[in-house]
Amino acid sequence: MKPVIEKVFSQIDFSFSTEYVEVNNFSSKWHYHEKVEIILIIDTSGTGYVGESIVPFSGDTLSLIGSGVPHAWLNDHRYSKKNSSLLAKAIVLKFEDDFLGEKFLALPGMKSIVDLLKIHSKRGMFIEGNDKGEIKNFLINIMETSNDFERVILLVKILRIIAESNSITYLSAKKYEVPSKSSDNERLDKVFHYVVENYRQKIELKTIADLASLSPSGFCKYFKKRTLKTFSRFLNEYRIGHACRMIIDGHHSMSEVCYLTGFNQMSNFYKQFHAVHKISPLKYRERFYESENNPEIQSMQSHSTAS
């Protein structure tokens, strides 16, 4: 995975940049930049890569990614099919972690926000629960106003909610090493894209090692050092991410999910799924449909959509 450096410019007359994205599919390179990024995925699904983590995303996913953290959002393959009418939609905010100014950030009441921007955001995070619904309202208000003062106030409110939230899921390890050498970037980029294109097939360690111009043992040590996980774990997590999406979609049997995501044996599929989610694929599906049919959860979702 090659973390391309992305240069982000603020919009003229505004303190930070905003963008409404509506495209056929998210296909960004694995990249990082000097800005903090807030992303609201509105209507799409796929797999997110944040630091060394691989996580599924769907509509109404809200994330905060700190400056310097490599990340990418890739849609499910159905979004890139020829003649597909599906659209990927998102709201994206990008801003400097000191956009409020050093003196303002030095005020006692700003400590939680400073910690969020300077420390916690470096791990990347998903924001869940009622906090997500409130933040979604503020994001929509930011997109609808051209008054920069009001936009700044709304962003500060968003940051305060996130800083004080108890509904945060961290996406990356506490410490993450951004690859700095161009040769490292090229190696990981080749490995990443090979997995994306071939995860349904059997992937030999020697094939991957050859892509990285390393011996199999040398590649294993290299990959673990750069990503903080073994290649086999990385591959299994990527496959399980696609499996989760297929299980939720409900269009395939469990055996079909197993073989369509590159697992050649049901026993291994169940074993690897449990290693990632601590429950079986069947239990995962049961819990999803239980939440879908839970009146309290439906009420929360309806309230969030209505607001």
C-alpha atoms as a PDB file:
ATOM      1  CA  MET A   1       0.000   0.000   0.000  1.00  0.00           C
ATOM      2  CA  LYS A   2       1.598   3.223  -1.130  1.00  0.00           C
ATOM      3  CA  PRO A   3       0.519   6.190   1.027  1.00  0.00           C
ATOM      4  CA  VAL A   4       0.445   8.943  -1.588  1.00  0.00           C
ATOM      5  CA  ILE A   5       0.897  12.446  -0.177  1.00  0.00           C
ATOM      6  CA  GLU A   6      -2.243  14.420  -1.031  1.00  0.00           C
ATOM      7  CA  LYS A   7      -2.033  18.230  -0.997  1.00  0.00           C
ATOM      8  CA  VAL A   8      -5.247  19.797   0.269  1.00  0.00           C
ATOM      9  CA  PHE A   9      -6.046  23.476  -0.265  1.00  0.00           C
ATOM     10  CA  SER A  10      -8.642  25.393   1.734  1.00  0.00           C
ATOM     11  CA  GLN A  11     -11.465  27.023  -0.188  1.00  0.00           C
ATOM     12  CA  ILE A  12     -11.140  30.755  -0.799  1.00  0.00           C
ATOM     13  CA  ASP A  13     -12.853  32.864   1.897  1.00  0.00           C
ATOM     14  CA  PHE A  14     -13.356  29.818   4.134  1.00  0.00           C
ATOM     15  CA  SER A  15     -11.340  28.545   7.108  1.00  0.00           C
ATOM     16  CA  PHE A  16     -11.585  24.921   5.981  1.00  0.00           C
ATOM     17  CA  SER A  17     -12.635  22.954   2.914  1.00  0.00           C
ATOM     18  CA  THR A  18     -15.926  21.135   2.411  1.00  0.00           C
ATOM     19  CA  GLU A  19     -16.961  18.831  -0.387  1.00  0.00           C
ATOM     20  CA  TYR A  20     -20.080  16.905  -1.320  1.00  0.00           C
ATOM     21  CA  VAL A  21     -18.976  13.788  -3.208  1.00  0.00           C
ATOM     22  CA  GLU A  22     -21.262  11.903  -5.593  1.00  0.00           C
ATOM     23  CA  VAL A  23     -19.426   9.446  -7.844  1.00  0.00           C
ATOM     24  CA  ASN A  24     -19.899   6.009  -9.384  1.00  0.00           C
ATOM     25  CA  ASN A  25     -17.488   4.529  -6.839  1.00  0.00           C
ATOM     26  CA  PHE A  26     -14.810   5.475  -4.326  1.00  0.00           C
ATOM     27  CA  SER A  27     -11.477   4.377  -5.751  1.00  0.00           C
ATOM     28  CA  SER A  28      -8.976   6.564  -3.953  1.00  0.00           C
ATOM     29  CA  LYS A  29      -5.352   5.569  -3.601  1.00  0.00           C
ATOM     30  CA  TRP A  30      -4.008   4.817  -0.160  1.00  0.00           C
ATOM     31  CA  HIS A  31      -2.934   8.321   0.823  1.00  0.00           C
ATOM     32  CA  TYR A  32      -2.305  10.747   3.646  1.00  0.00           C
ATOM     33  CA  HIS A  33      -2.197  14.518   3.991  1.00  0.00           C
ATOM     34  CA  GLU A  34      -1.541  17.263   6.501  1.00  0.00           C
ATOM     35  CA  LYS A  35      -5.224  17.909   7.179  1.00  0.00           C
ATOM     36  CA  VAL A  36      -7.651  16.379   9.667  1.00  0.00           C
ATOM     37  CA  GLU A  37     -10.555  14.808   7.814  1.00  0.00           C
ATOM     38  CA  ILE A  38     -14.179  14.237   8.810  1.00  0.00           C
ATOM     39  CA  ILE A  39     -16.046  11.923   6.436  1.00  0.00           C
ATOM     40  CA  LEU A  40     -19.768  11.120   6.448  1.00  0.00           C
ATOM     41  CA  ILE A  41     -20.510   8.200   4.126  1.00  0.00           C
ATOM     42  CA  ILE A  42     -24.085   8.862   3.044  1.00  0.00           C
ATOM     43  CA  ASP A  43     -25.132   6.075   0.720  1.00  0.00           C
ATOM     44  CA  THR A  44     -22.691   3.352  -0.292  1.00  0.00           C
ATOM     45  CA  SER A  45     -20.751   0.377   1.053  1.00  0.00           C
ATOM     46  CA  GLY A  46     -17.276  -1.082   0.805  1.00  0.00           C
ATOM     47  CA  THR A  47     -14.023  -1.481   2.686  1.00  0.00           C
ATOM     48  CA  GLY A  48     -12.017   1.198   4.468  1.00  0.00           C
ATOM     49  CA  TYR A  49      -8.265   1.114   5.075  1.00  0.00           C
ATOM     50  CA  VAL A  50      -7.090   3.256   7.991  1.00  0.00           C
ATOM     51  CA  GLY A  51      -3.545   2.857   9.219  1.00  0.00           C
ATOM     52  CA  GLU A  52      -3.028  -0.883   9.486  1.00  0.00           C
ATOM     53  CA  SER A  53      -6.751  -1.653   9.901  1.00  0.00           C
ATOM     54  CA  ILE A  54      -9.281  -2.957   7.383  1.00  0.00           C
ATOM     55  CA  VAL A  55     -12.924  -2.203   8.197  1.00  0.00           C
ATOM     56  CA  PRO A  56     -16.226  -2.480   6.332  1.00  0.00           C
ATOM     57  CA  PHE A  57     -18.266   0.698   5.843  1.00  0.00           C
ATOM     58  CA  SER A  58     -21.810   1.383   4.749  1.00  0.00           C
ATOM     59  CA  GLY A  59     -24.281   4.250   4.504  1.00  0.00           C
ATOM     60  CA  ASP A  60     -24.299   6.569   7.530  1.00  0.00           C
ATOM     61  CA  THR A  61     -20.704   5.732   8.518  1.00  0.00           C
ATOM     62  CA  LEU A  62     -19.017   8.700  10.205  1.00  0.00           C
ATOM     63  CA  SER A  63     -15.248   8.857  10.659  1.00  0.00           C
ATOM     64  CA  LEU A  64     -12.511  11.218  11.801  1.00  0.00           C
ATOM     65  CA  ILE A  65      -9.022  10.689  10.348  1.00  0.00           C
ATOM     66  CA  GLY A  66      -6.072  12.600  11.783  1.00  0.00           C
ATOM     67  CA  SER A  67      -3.306  14.303   9.799  1.00  0.00           C
ATOM     68  CA  GLY A  68      -0.648  11.945   8.490  1.00  0.00           C
ATOM     69  CA  VAL A  69      -2.772   8.788   8.859  1.00  0.00           C
ATOM     70  CA  PRO A  70      -2.812   6.738   5.623  1.00  0.00           C
ATOM     71  CA  HIS A  71      -6.320   5.816   4.503  1.00  0.00           C
ATOM     72  CA  ALA A  72      -8.466   4.819   1.538  1.00  0.00           C
ATOM     73  CA  TRP A  73     -12.128   4.016   0.900  1.00  0.00           C
ATOM     74  CA  LEU A  74     -12.930   1.417  -1.764  1.00  0.00           C
ATOM     75  CA  ASN A  75     -16.433   0.414  -2.814  1.00  0.00           C
ATOM     76  CA  ASP A  76     -17.767  -3.100  -3.266  1.00  0.00           C
ATOM     77  CA  HIS A  77     -17.232  -4.483  -6.771  1.00  0.00           C
ATOM     78  CA  ARG A  78     -20.914  -4.000  -7.646  1.00  0.00           C
ATOM     79  CA  TYR A  79     -20.300  -0.233  -7.786  1.00  0.00           C
ATOM     80  CA  SER A  80     -17.720  -0.580 -10.555  1.00  0.00           C
ATOM     81  CA  LYS A  81     -19.735  -2.948 -12.744  1.00  0.00           C
ATOM     82  CA  LYS A  82     -20.476  -1.758 -16.249  1.00  0.00           C
ATOM     83  CA  ASN A  83     -23.800   0.109 -16.560  1.00  0.00           C
ATOM     84  CA  SER A  84     -24.235   0.166 -12.757  1.00  0.00           C
ATOM     85  CA  SER A  85     -26.645   2.895 -11.602  1.00  0.00           C
ATOM     86  CA  LEU A  86     -25.282   2.859  -8.045  1.00  0.00           C
ATOM     87  CA  LEU A  87     -23.760   6.061  -6.666  1.00  0.00           C
ATOM     88  CA  ALA A  88     -21.347   6.596  -3.790  1.00  0.00           C
ATOM     89  CA  LYS A  89     -22.132   9.719  -1.777  1.00  0.00           C
ATOM     90  CA  ALA A  90     -20.263  11.437   1.043  1.00  0.00           C
ATOM     91  CA  ILE A  91     -19.611  14.734   2.799  1.00  0.00           C
ATOM     92  CA  VAL A  92     -15.929  15.502   3.436  1.00  0.00           C
ATOM     93  CA  LEU A  93     -14.425  18.213   5.659  1.00  0.00           C
ATOM     94  CA  LYS A  94     -10.667  18.895   5.750  1.00  0.00           C
ATOM     95  CA  PHE A  95      -8.929  21.330   8.079  1.00  0.00           C
ATOM     96  CA  GLU A  96      -5.634  22.052   9.841  1.00  0.00           C
ATOM     97  CA  ASP A  97      -5.369  20.695  13.389  1.00  0.00           C
ATOM     98  CA  ASP A  98      -4.515  24.268  14.504  1.00  0.00           C
ATOM     99  CA  PHE A  99      -7.037  26.100  12.300  1.00  0.00           C
ATOM    100  CA  LEU A 100      -8.437  27.896  15.372  1.00  0.00           C
ATOM    101  CA  GLY A 101      -5.076  29.477  16.192  1.00  0.00           C
ATOM    102  CA  GLU A 102      -2.538  28.668  18.902  1.00  0.00           C
ATOM    103  CA  LYS A 103      -3.856  31.183  21.469  1.00  0.00           C
ATOM    104  CA  PHE A 104      -7.447  29.977  21.154  1.00  0.00           C
ATOM    105  CA  LEU A 105      -6.396  26.356  21.394  1.00  0.00           C
ATOM    106  CA  ALA A 106      -4.363  27.185  24.515  1.00  0.00           C
ATOM    107  CA  LEU A 107      -7.510  28.141  26.441  1.00  0.00           C
ATOM    108  CA  PRO A 108      -8.362  25.694  29.278  1.00  0.00           C
ATOM    109  CA  GLY A 109     -11.732  24.807  27.778  1.00  0.00           C
ATOM    110  CA  MET A 110     -10.113  23.640  24.548  1.00  0.00           C
ATOM    111  CA  LYS A 111      -7.925  20.901  26.034  1.00  0.00           C
ATOM    112  CA  SER A 112     -10.230  18.013  25.055  1.00  0.00           C
ATOM    113  CA  ILE A 113     -10.379  19.258  21.465  1.00  0.00           C
ATOM    114  CA  VAL A 114      -6.599  19.721  21.315  1.00  0.00           C
ATOM    115  CA  ASP A 115      -6.116  16.163  22.601  1.00  0.00           C
ATOM    116  CA  LEU A 116      -8.577  14.925  19.996  1.00  0.00           C
ATOM    117  CA  LEU A 117      -6.792  16.633  17.101  1.00  0.00           C
ATOM    118  CA  LYS A 118      -3.197  16.111  18.217  1.00  0.00           C
ATOM    119  CA  ILE A 119      -3.417  12.618  19.749  1.00  0.00           C
ATOM    120  CA  HIS A 120      -6.612  10.590  19.400  1.00  0.00           C
ATOM    121  CA  SER A 121      -7.313  11.427  15.752  1.00  0.00           C
ATOM    122  CA  LYS A 122      -3.974   9.852  14.825  1.00  0.00           C
ATOM    123  CA  ARG A 123      -5.581   6.434  15.308  1.00  0.00           C
ATOM    124  CA  GLY A 124      -8.604   7.185  13.131  1.00  0.00           C
ATOM    125  CA  MET A 125     -12.083   6.596  14.531  1.00  0.00           C
ATOM    126  CA  PHE A 126     -15.698   5.768  13.792  1.00  0.00           C
ATOM    127  CA  ILE A 127     -18.327   7.786  15.678  1.00  0.00           C
ATOM    128  CA  GLU A 128     -21.482   5.867  16.586  1.00  0.00           C
ATOM    129  CA  GLY A 129     -24.727   6.226  18.559  1.00  0.00           C
ATOM    130  CA  ASN A 130     -26.720   9.401  19.099  1.00  0.00           C
ATOM    131  CA  ASP A 131     -23.579  11.496  18.686  1.00  0.00           C
ATOM    132  CA  LYS A 132     -23.483  10.535  15.025  1.00  0.00           C
ATOM    133  CA  GLY A 133     -27.005  11.845  14.414  1.00  0.00           C
ATOM    134  CA  GLU A 134     -26.216  15.203  16.029  1.00  0.00           C
ATOM    135  CA  ILE A 135     -22.965  15.571  14.096  1.00  0.00           C
ATOM    136  CA  LYS A 136     -24.748  14.689  10.863  1.00  0.00           C
ATOM    137  CA  ASN A 137     -27.114  17.634  11.410  1.00  0.00           C
ATOM    138  CA  PHE A 138     -24.185  20.006  11.944  1.00  0.00           C
ATOM    139  CA  LEU A 139     -22.428  18.730   8.800  1.00  0.00           C
ATOM    140  CA  ILE A 140     -25.533  19.381   6.723  1.00  0.00           C
ATOM    141  CA  ASN A 141     -25.775  22.884   8.225  1.00  0.00           C
ATOM    142  CA  ILE A 142     -22.142  23.555   7.335  1.00  0.00           C
ATOM    143  CA  MET A 143     -22.789  22.538   3.741  1.00  0.00           C
ATOM    144  CA  GLU A 144     -25.827  24.809   3.550  1.00  0.00           C
ATOM    145  CA  THR A 145     -24.289  28.018   4.933  1.00  0.00           C
ATOM    146  CA  SER A 146     -21.835  30.393   3.252  1.00  0.00           C
ATOM    147  CA  ASN A 147     -21.087  32.274   6.491  1.00  0.00           C
ATOM    148  CA  ASP A 148     -17.572  31.276   7.521  1.00  0.00           C
ATOM    149  CA  PHE A 149     -18.082  32.304  11.164  1.00  0.00           C
ATOM    150  CA  GLU A 150     -21.098  30.006  11.449  1.00  0.00           C
ATOM    151  CA  ARG A 151     -19.164  27.205   9.746  1.00  0.00           C
ATOM    152  CA  VAL A 152     -16.310  27.508  12.241  1.00  0.00           C
ATOM    153  CA  ILE A 153     -18.710  27.486  15.219  1.00  0.00           C
ATOM    154  CA  LEU A 154     -20.454  24.373  13.859  1.00  0.00           C
ATOM    155  CA  LEU A 155     -17.113  22.617  13.353  1.00  0.00           C
ATOM    156  CA  VAL A 156     -16.051  23.427  16.920  1.00  0.00           C
ATOM    157  CA  LYS A 157     -19.343  21.938  18.148  1.00  0.00           C
ATOM    158  CA  ILE A 158     -18.678  18.792  16.118  1.00  0.00           C
ATOM    159  CA  LEU A 159     -15.172  18.462  17.551  1.00  0.00           C
ATOM    160  CA  ARG A 160     -16.450  18.955  21.102  1.00  0.00           C
ATOM    161  CA  ILE A 161     -19.045  16.206  20.633  1.00  0.00           C
ATOM    162  CA  ILE A 162     -16.422  13.798  19.309  1.00  0.00           C
ATOM    163  CA  ALA A 163     -13.920  14.741  22.034  1.00  0.00           C
ATOM    164  CA  GLU A 164     -16.489  14.014  24.758  1.00  0.00           C
ATOM    165  CA  SER A 165     -18.169  11.014  23.101  1.00  0.00           C
ATOM    166  CA  ASN A 166     -18.357   7.564  24.650  1.00  0.00           C
ATOM    167  CA  SER A 167     -19.372   6.059  21.300  1.00  0.00           C
ATOM    168  CA  ILE A 168     -15.978   5.960  19.591  1.00  0.00           C
ATOM    169  CA  THR A 169     -14.384   2.979  17.844  1.00  0.00           C
ATOM    170  CA  TYR A 170     -10.672   3.427  17.182  1.00  0.00           C
ATOM    171  CA  LEU A 171      -9.534   2.058  13.842  1.00  0.00           C
ATOM    172  CA  SER A 172      -5.752   1.950  14.070  1.00  0.00           C
ATOM    173  CA  ALA A 173      -3.077   1.006  16.583  1.00  0.00           C
ATOM    174  CA  LYS A 174      -1.772   3.635  19.018  1.00  0.00           C
ATOM    175  CA  LYS A 175       1.465   3.795  17.078  1.00  0.00           C
ATOM    176  CA  TYR A 176       1.588   3.644  13.314  1.00  0.00           C
ATOM    177  CA  GLU A 177       4.659   3.983  11.146  1.00  0.00           C
ATOM    178  CA  VAL A 178       3.976   5.721   7.864  1.00  0.00           C
ATOM    179  CA  PRO A 179       6.257   4.206   5.221  1.00  0.00           C
ATOM    180  CA  SER A 180       8.793   6.839   4.213  1.00  0.00           C
ATOM    181  CA  LYS A 181      11.059   5.190   1.662  1.00  0.00           C
ATOM    182  CA  SER A 182       9.840   5.163  -1.943  1.00  0.00           C
ATOM    183  CA  SER A 183      10.917   1.523  -2.321  1.00  0.00           C
ATOM    184  CA  ASP A 184       8.760   0.588   0.687  1.00  0.00           C
ATOM    185  CA  ASN A 185       5.810   2.463  -0.793  1.00  0.00           C
ATOM    186  CA  GLU A 186       6.126   0.697  -4.130  1.00  0.00           C
ATOM    187  CA  ARG A 187       6.355  -2.732  -2.487  1.00  0.00           C
ATOM    188  CA  LEU A 188       3.302  -2.261  -0.300  1.00  0.00           C
ATOM    189  CA  ASP A 189       1.369  -0.685  -3.156  1.00  0.00           C
ATOM    190  CA  LYS A 190       1.938  -3.752  -5.354  1.00  0.00           C
ATOM    191  CA  VAL A 191       0.918  -6.107  -2.528  1.00  0.00           C
ATOM    192  CA  PHE A 192      -2.200  -4.119  -1.690  1.00  0.00           C
ATOM    193  CA  HIS A 193      -3.482  -3.962  -5.260  1.00  0.00           C
ATOM    194  CA  TYR A 194      -2.701  -7.613  -5.906  1.00  0.00           C
ATOM    195  CA  VAL A 195      -4.847  -8.583  -2.901  1.00  0.00           C
ATOM    196  CA  VAL A 196      -7.692  -6.298  -4.018  1.00  0.00           C
ATOM    197  CA  GLU A 197      -7.750  -7.922  -7.461  1.00  0.00           C
ATOM    198  CA  ASN A 198      -7.117 -11.532  -6.432  1.00  0.00           C
ATOM    199  CA  TYR A 199      -8.517 -12.084  -2.905  1.00  0.00           C
ATOM    200  CA  ARG A 200     -11.101 -14.541  -4.270  1.00  0.00           C
ATOM    201  CA  GLN A 201      -8.324 -16.802  -5.505  1.00  0.00           C
ATOM    202  CA  LYS A 202      -5.635 -18.743  -3.684  1.00  0.00           C
ATOM    203  CA  ILE A 203      -2.725 -16.378  -3.023  1.00  0.00           C
ATOM    204  CA  GLU A 204       0.680 -17.975  -2.638  1.00  0.00           C
ATOM    205  CA  LEU A 205       3.211 -16.397  -0.293  1.00  0.00           C
ATOM    206  CA  LYS A 206       5.940 -16.814  -2.922  1.00  0.00           C
ATOM    207  CA  THR A 207       3.876 -14.851  -5.455  1.00  0.00           C
ATOM    208  CA  ILE A 208       3.471 -11.952  -3.033  1.00  0.00           C
ATOM    209  CA  ALA A 209       7.132 -12.098  -2.005  1.00  0.00           C
ATOM    210  CA  ASP A 210       8.163 -11.978  -5.670  1.00  0.00           C
ATOM    211  CA  LEU A 211       6.017  -8.852  -6.163  1.00  0.00           C
ATOM    212  CA  ALA A 212       7.933  -7.211  -3.328  1.00  0.00           C
ATOM    213  CA  SER A 213      11.280  -8.507  -4.665  1.00  0.00           C
ATOM    214  CA  LEU A 214      11.944 -10.320  -1.395  1.00  0.00           C
ATOM    215  CA  SER A 215      12.332 -13.919  -0.245  1.00  0.00           C
ATOM    216  CA  PRO A 216       9.231 -15.381   1.470  1.00  0.00           C
ATOM    217  CA  SER A 217      10.844 -15.184   4.915  1.00  0.00           C
ATOM    218  CA  GLY A 218      12.186 -11.693   4.234  1.00  0.00           C
ATOM    219  CA  PHE A 219       8.776 -10.528   3.042  1.00  0.00           C
ATOM    220  CA  CYS A 220       7.051 -11.862   6.178  1.00  0.00           C
ATOM    221  CA  LYS A 221       9.421  -9.898   8.424  1.00  0.00           C
ATOM    222  CA  TYR A 222       9.140  -6.791   6.238  1.00  0.00           C
ATOM    223  CA  PHE A 223       5.336  -6.842   6.060  1.00  0.00           C
ATOM    224  CA  LYS A 224       4.940  -7.359   9.826  1.00  0.00           C
ATOM    225  CA  LYS A 225       7.296  -4.453  10.546  1.00  0.00           C
ATOM    226  CA  ARG A 226       5.511  -2.073   8.162  1.00  0.00           C
ATOM    227  CA  THR A 227       1.875  -2.955   8.895  1.00  0.00           C
ATOM    228  CA  LEU A 228       2.022  -4.336  12.451  1.00  0.00           C
ATOM    229  CA  LYS A 229       0.361  -7.583  11.346  1.00  0.00           C
ATOM    230  CA  THR A 230       1.249 -10.715   9.401  1.00  0.00           C
ATOM    231  CA  PHE A 231       0.344 -10.961   5.726  1.00  0.00           C
ATOM    232  CA  SER A 232      -1.961 -13.919   6.383  1.00  0.00           C
ATOM    233  CA  ARG A 233      -3.866 -11.870   8.971  1.00  0.00           C
ATOM    234  CA  PHE A 234      -4.085  -8.932   6.569  1.00  0.00           C
ATOM    235  CA  LEU A 235      -5.443 -11.200   3.817  1.00  0.00           C
ATOM    236  CA  ASN A 236      -7.935 -12.923   6.109  1.00  0.00           C
ATOM    237  CA  GLU A 237      -9.232  -9.608   7.467  1.00  0.00           C
ATOM    238  CA  TYR A 238      -9.678  -8.288   3.940  1.00  0.00           C
ATOM    239  CA  ARG A 239     -11.621 -11.394   2.933  1.00  0.00           C
ATOM    240  CA  ILE A 240     -13.726 -11.294   6.100  1.00  0.00           C
ATOM    241  CA  GLY A 241     -14.587  -7.647   5.401  1.00  0.00           C
ATOM    242  CA  HIS A 242     -16.114  -8.693   2.071  1.00  0.00           C
ATOM    243  CA  ALA A 243     -17.766 -11.680   3.738  1.00  0.00           C
ATOM    244  CA  CYS A 244     -19.527  -9.400   6.239  1.00  0.00           C
ATOM    245  CA  ARG A 245     -20.962  -7.306   3.438  1.00  0.00           C
ATOM    246  CA  MET A 246     -22.236 -10.399   1.611  1.00  0.00           C
ATOM    247  CA  ILE A 247     -23.760 -11.795   4.819  1.00  0.00           C
ATOM    248  CA  ILE A 248     -25.594  -8.518   5.455  1.00  0.00           C
ATOM    249  CA  ASP A 249     -26.800  -8.304   1.835  1.00  0.00           C
ATOM    250  CA  GLY A 250     -28.399 -11.730   2.316  1.00  0.00           C
ATOM    251  CA  HIS A 251     -28.172 -12.815  -1.342  1.00  0.00           C
ATOM    252  CA  HIS A 252     -25.783 -15.722  -0.781  1.00  0.00           C
ATOM    253  CA  SER A 253     -25.699 -18.856   1.315  1.00  0.00           C
ATOM    254  CA  MET A 254     -22.929 -19.176   3.878  1.00  0.00           C
ATOM    255  CA  SER A 255     -21.074 -21.679   1.705  1.00  0.00           C
ATOM    256  CA  GLU A 256     -21.239 -19.270  -1.239  1.00  0.00           C
ATOM    257  CA  VAL A 257     -19.863 -16.484   0.955  1.00  0.00           C
ATOM    258  CA  CYS A 258     -17.049 -18.785   1.999  1.00  0.00           C
ATOM    259  CA  TYR A 259     -15.892 -19.664  -1.517  1.00  0.00           C
ATOM    260  CA  LEU A 260     -16.584 -16.255  -3.113  1.00  0.00           C
ATOM    261  CA  THR A 261     -14.265 -14.579  -0.602  1.00  0.00           C
ATOM    262  CA  GLY A 262     -11.341 -16.916  -1.145  1.00  0.00           C
ATOM    263  CA  PHE A 263     -11.785 -19.439   1.663  1.00  0.00           C
ATOM    264  CA  ASN A 264     -11.608 -22.942   0.254  1.00  0.00           C
ATOM    265  CA  GLN A 265     -12.921 -24.720   3.355  1.00  0.00           C
ATOM    266  CA  MET A 266     -15.935 -23.897   5.513  1.00  0.00           C
ATOM    267  CA  SER A 267     -14.036 -24.878   8.658  1.00  0.00           C
ATOM    268  CA  ASN A 268     -11.272 -22.369   7.890  1.00  0.00           C
ATOM    269  CA  PHE A 269     -13.819 -19.672   6.992  1.00  0.00           C
ATOM    270  CA  TYR A 270     -15.583 -20.107  10.339  1.00  0.00           C
ATOM    271  CA  LYS A 271     -12.257 -20.172  12.170  1.00  0.00           C
ATOM    272  CA  GLN A 272     -10.968 -16.969  10.565  1.00  0.00           C
ATOM    273  CA  PHE A 273     -14.322 -15.185  10.927  1.00  0.00           C
ATOM    274  CA  HIS A 274     -14.364 -15.964  14.638  1.00  0.00           C
ATOM    275  CA  ALA A 275     -10.770 -14.758  14.968  1.00  0.00           C
ATOM    276  CA  VAL A 276     -11.800 -11.336  13.607  1.00  0.00           C
ATOM    277  CA  HIS A 277     -15.288 -10.854  15.102  1.00  0.00           C
ATOM    278  CA  LYS A 278     -15.246 -13.268  18.069  1.00  0.00           C
ATOM    279  CA  ILE A 279     -18.526 -14.799  16.883  1.00  0.00           C
ATOM    280  CA  SER A 280     -19.524 -17.206  14.107  1.00  0.00           C
ATOM    281  CA  PRO A 281     -20.790 -15.987  10.689  1.00  0.00           C
ATOM    282  CA  LEU A 282     -24.247 -17.327  11.540  1.00  0.00           C
ATOM    283  CA  LYS A 283     -24.323 -15.442  14.844  1.00  0.00           C
ATOM    284  CA  TYR A 284     -23.106 -12.319  13.047  1.00  0.00           C
ATOM    285  CA  ARG A 285     -26.067 -12.575  10.658  1.00  0.00           C
ATOM    286  CA  GLU A 286     -28.491 -13.240  13.525  1.00  0.00           C
ATOM    287  CA  ARG A 287     -27.293 -10.185  15.441  1.00  0.00           C
ATOM    288  CA  PHE A 288     -27.625  -8.009  12.354  1.00  0.00           C
ATOM    289  CA  TYR A 289     -31.209  -9.053  11.707  1.00  0.00           C
ATOM    290  CA  GLU A 290     -32.054  -8.814  15.406  1.00  0.00           C
ATOM    291  CA  SER A 291     -30.892  -5.173  15.361  1.00  0.00           C
ATOM    292  CA  GLU A 292     -32.883  -4.562  12.179  1.00  0.00           C
ATOM    293  CA  ASN A 293     -36.053  -5.862  13.871  1.00  0.00           C
ATOM    294  CA  ASN A 294     -35.467  -4.248  17.259  1.00  0.00           C
ATOM    295  CA  PRO A 295     -38.095  -1.477  17.748  1.00  0.00           C
ATOM    296  CA  GLU A 296     -35.744   0.599  19.912  1.00  0.00           C
ATOM    297  CA  ILE A 297     -32.979   0.509  17.317  1.00  0.00           C
ATOM    298  CA  GLN A 298     -35.445   1.205  14.508  1.00  0.00           C
ATOM    299  CA  SER A 299     -36.692   4.222  16.494  1.00  0.00           C
ATOM    300  CA  MET A 300     -33.127   5.532  16.875  1.00  0.00           C
ATOM    301  CA  GLN A 301     -32.452   5.033  13.168  1.00  0.00           C
ATOM    302  CA  SER A 302     -35.713   6.738  12.193  1.00  0.00           C
ATOM    303  CA  HIS A 303     -34.936   9.664  14.481  1.00  0.00           C
ATOM    304  CA  SER A 304     -31.448   9.988  13.003  1.00  0.00           C
ATOM    305  CA  THR A 305     -32.816   9.904   9.441  1.00  0.00           C
ATOM    306  CA  ALA A 306     -35.578  12.374  10.201  1.00  0.00           C
ATOM    307  CA  SER A 307     -33.180  14.788  11.856  1.00  0.00           C
END
